[in-house]
């Protein structure tokens, strides 16, 4: 397996984020947003990633394996806004590396750690729960039709992030200065 590296996102990465987001979401959410009824909001998401990468308050990190972008995470003060990994990388350590870097960034912002996750996205919920996140009781409709419920999770940043599966870390390299 080729080495995984983490790098900072740049404004020129907007199309890369869009492509990763689209591939991941259309696989992970097919049971929530059936594609024959709910089209992926392409234009809106392209504009969103351009804006996010241009926002000084948003930190984006991108995971690459062998030079190929395979996932990303976005963080603002107090919030893990996004974490997407392409399906062929699920279970190979990219999500864990991105999560760990996102938590490191959140700790540096000193504003807590929260995220929204779709209630029906059980894979993501298990991923976060194994890493110490917990549902904090807040629920809201998601932003897109059919507006499935989203749950707010929180992470206690004073507690070390659990080591989930040491085997996921074998052979993983980190880009200098980007991942502790």
Protein backbone atom coordinates (compact mmCIF):
# COMPACT_ATOMS: atom_id res chain seq x y z
CA UNK A 1 0.00 0.00 0.00
CA UNK A 2 1.35 3.42 -0.91
CA UNK A 3 2.02 5.98 1.79
CA UNK A 4 -0.72 8.33 2.96
CA UNK A 5 0.15 12.01 3.36
CA UNK A 6 -1.86 14.92 4.72
CA UNK A 7 -1.51 18.42 3.31
CA UNK A 8 -3.26 21.74 3.67
CA UNK A 9 -5.99 22.56 1.19
CA UNK A 10 -5.45 25.52 -1.13
CA UNK A 11 -7.96 27.62 -3.11
CA UNK A 12 -6.97 25.68 -6.23
CA UNK A 13 -8.28 22.47 -4.58
CA UNK A 14 -11.97 23.38 -4.83
CA UNK A 15 -12.68 20.96 -7.69
CA UNK A 16 -10.78 18.21 -5.86
CA UNK A 17 -12.93 18.69 -2.73
CA UNK A 18 -16.06 18.70 -4.85
CA UNK A 19 -15.08 15.42 -6.58
CA UNK A 20 -14.21 13.66 -3.30
CA UNK A 21 -17.40 14.94 -1.65
CA UNK A 22 -19.57 13.86 -4.56
CA UNK A 23 -18.06 10.37 -4.83
CA UNK A 24 -18.23 9.77 -1.09
CA UNK A 25 -21.70 11.21 -0.54
CA UNK A 26 -23.33 9.49 -3.49
CA UNK A 27 -22.07 6.16 -2.11
CA UNK A 28 -22.60 6.71 1.61
CA UNK A 29 -25.98 8.43 1.36
CA UNK A 30 -27.69 6.39 -1.37
CA UNK A 31 -30.19 5.01 1.17
CA UNK A 32 -30.89 8.51 2.52
CA UNK A 33 -30.93 10.51 -0.73
CA UNK A 34 -31.95 8.01 -3.46
CA UNK A 35 -30.32 9.36 -6.64
CA UNK A 36 -33.43 8.74 -8.75
CA UNK A 37 -35.32 11.17 -6.47
CA UNK A 38 -32.65 13.57 -5.16
CA UNK A 39 -29.87 14.78 -7.40
CA UNK A 40 -26.53 15.73 -5.92
CA UNK A 41 -26.39 19.56 -5.72
CA UNK A 42 -23.39 19.93 -8.04
CA UNK A 43 -23.40 23.68 -8.64
CA UNK A 44 -24.11 24.49 -4.99
CA UNK A 45 -21.31 22.20 -3.75
CA UNK A 46 -18.77 23.57 -6.23
CA UNK A 47 -19.57 27.09 -4.99
CA UNK A 48 -19.42 25.89 -1.38
CA UNK A 49 -15.89 24.46 -1.76
CA UNK A 50 -14.63 27.58 -3.52
CA UNK A 51 -15.99 29.69 -0.64
CA UNK A 52 -14.67 27.36 2.08
CA UNK A 53 -11.16 27.34 0.68
CA UNK A 54 -11.21 31.13 0.48
CA UNK A 55 -12.42 31.56 4.07
CA UNK A 56 -9.64 32.44 6.52
CA UNK A 57 -11.68 30.88 9.36
CA UNK A 58 -11.79 27.45 7.68
CA UNK A 59 -8.92 24.98 7.75
CA UNK A 60 -9.02 22.19 5.17
CA UNK A 61 -6.66 19.24 5.04
CA UNK A 62 -6.44 16.73 2.20
CA UNK A 63 -5.27 13.12 2.39
CA UNK A 64 -3.37 11.78 -0.58
CA UNK A 65 -2.19 8.26 -1.30
CA UNK A 66 0.51 8.01 -3.91
CA UNK A 67 -0.22 11.61 -4.92
CA UNK A 68 -3.95 10.91 -5.48
CA UNK A 69 -6.38 12.93 -3.30
CA UNK A 70 -8.51 10.41 -1.39
CA UNK A 71 -10.21 12.45 1.33
CA UNK A 72 -10.44 15.73 3.18
CA UNK A 73 -11.59 17.32 6.41
CA UNK A 74 -12.73 20.88 7.08
CA UNK A 75 -12.61 22.61 10.46
CA UNK A 76 -13.81 25.97 11.79
CA UNK A 77 -13.66 27.22 15.38
CA UNK A 78 -15.46 24.56 17.43
CA UNK A 79 -16.68 22.51 14.45
CA UNK A 80 -15.58 19.54 12.40
CA UNK A 81 -17.55 20.68 9.36
CA UNK A 82 -16.67 17.90 6.92
CA UNK A 83 -14.83 14.62 6.66
CA UNK A 84 -15.15 12.76 3.37
CA UNK A 85 -13.13 9.84 2.01
CA UNK A 86 -13.58 8.17 -1.38
CA UNK A 87 -15.20 4.73 -1.01
CA UNK A 88 -12.21 2.70 -2.24
CA UNK A 89 -10.25 4.14 0.71
CA UNK A 90 -12.82 3.33 3.41
CA UNK A 91 -11.16 1.27 6.12
CA UNK A 92 -7.60 1.99 4.91
CA UNK A 93 -6.63 4.71 7.41
CA UNK A 94 -7.34 7.91 5.48
CA UNK A 95 -10.41 8.74 7.57
CA UNK A 96 -8.53 8.13 10.80
CA UNK A 97 -5.60 10.30 9.68
CA UNK A 98 -7.94 13.11 8.62
CA UNK A 99 -9.93 12.82 11.84
CA UNK A 100 -6.80 12.99 13.98
CA UNK A 101 -5.52 16.04 12.11
CA UNK A 102 -8.93 17.71 12.38
CA UNK A 103 -8.98 17.11 16.15
CA UNK A 104 -5.48 18.56 16.41
CA UNK A 105 -6.69 21.66 14.56
CA UNK A 106 -9.78 21.89 16.79
CA UNK A 107 -7.62 21.74 19.91
CA UNK A 108 -5.60 24.65 18.56
CA UNK A 109 -8.73 26.76 18.11
CA UNK A 110 -9.76 26.38 21.78
CA UNK A 111 -13.47 26.48 20.93
CA UNK A 112 -14.62 22.93 21.60
CA UNK A 113 -15.44 20.19 19.12
CA UNK A 114 -18.84 19.52 17.60
CA UNK A 115 -20.16 18.10 14.35
CA UNK A 116 -23.43 17.24 12.64
CA UNK A 117 -23.95 13.74 11.25
CA UNK A 118 -27.00 12.34 9.51
CA UNK A 119 -28.90 10.06 11.85
CA UNK A 120 -29.18 7.38 9.15
CA UNK A 121 -25.47 7.51 8.33
CA UNK A 122 -24.66 4.66 10.67
CA UNK A 123 -21.18 4.07 9.24
CA UNK A 124 -20.13 7.65 10.04
CA UNK A 125 -21.77 7.55 13.45
CA UNK A 126 -19.86 4.38 14.37
CA UNK A 127 -16.64 5.97 13.07
CA UNK A 128 -17.08 9.03 15.30
CA UNK A 129 -18.31 7.10 18.33
CA UNK A 130 -15.24 4.81 18.23
CA UNK A 131 -13.15 7.97 18.41
CA UNK A 132 -14.87 9.37 21.49
CA UNK A 133 -17.61 11.54 19.95
CA UNK A 134 -21.07 11.32 21.51
CA UNK A 135 -24.55 12.50 20.60
CA UNK A 136 -25.25 15.54 22.78
CA UNK A 137 -29.04 15.53 22.44
CA UNK A 138 -29.39 18.17 19.71
CA UNK A 139 -31.21 17.20 16.53
CA UNK A 140 -32.20 19.21 13.45
CA UNK A 141 -33.36 18.62 9.89
CA UNK A 142 -30.51 18.44 7.40
CA UNK A 143 -30.07 21.13 4.77
CA UNK A 144 -31.19 19.13 1.73
CA UNK A 145 -34.46 17.43 0.70
CA UNK A 146 -35.94 15.22 2.02
CA UNK A 147 -34.39 16.88 5.12
CA UNK A 148 -33.44 13.75 7.08
CA UNK A 149 -32.55 14.35 10.73
CA UNK A 150 -28.99 15.26 11.67
CA UNK A 151 -27.56 14.67 15.13
CA UNK A 152 -25.05 16.91 16.87
CA UNK A 153 -22.07 15.11 18.33
CA UNK A 154 -19.45 16.55 20.69
CA UNK A 155 -15.95 15.48 21.63
CA UNK A 156 -14.24 16.24 24.94
CA UNK A 157 -10.91 17.63 23.77
CA UNK A 158 -9.40 17.16 27.25
CA UNK A 159 -9.61 13.37 26.81
CA UNK A 160 -7.06 11.75 24.47
CA UNK A 161 -8.56 10.44 21.24
CA UNK A 162 -8.90 6.63 21.51
CA UNK A 163 -6.59 4.46 19.43
CA UNK A 164 -9.10 2.60 17.32
CA UNK A 165 -7.16 0.14 15.22
CA UNK A 166 -3.41 0.27 15.34
CA UNK A 167 -3.28 -1.76 12.13
CA UNK A 168 -4.80 1.20 10.26
CA UNK A 169 -1.66 3.17 11.08
CA UNK A 170 0.83 0.65 9.71
CA UNK A 171 2.72 2.04 6.75
CA UNK A 172 1.17 5.49 7.05
CA UNK A 173 3.49 8.40 6.51
CA UNK A 174 2.72 11.94 7.46
CA UNK A 175 3.59 15.02 5.51
CA UNK A 176 6.17 17.01 7.45
CA UNK A 177 4.54 19.41 9.86
CA UNK A 178 0.96 18.44 9.06
CA UNK A 179 0.13 15.59 11.41
CA UNK A 180 1.56 15.03 14.88
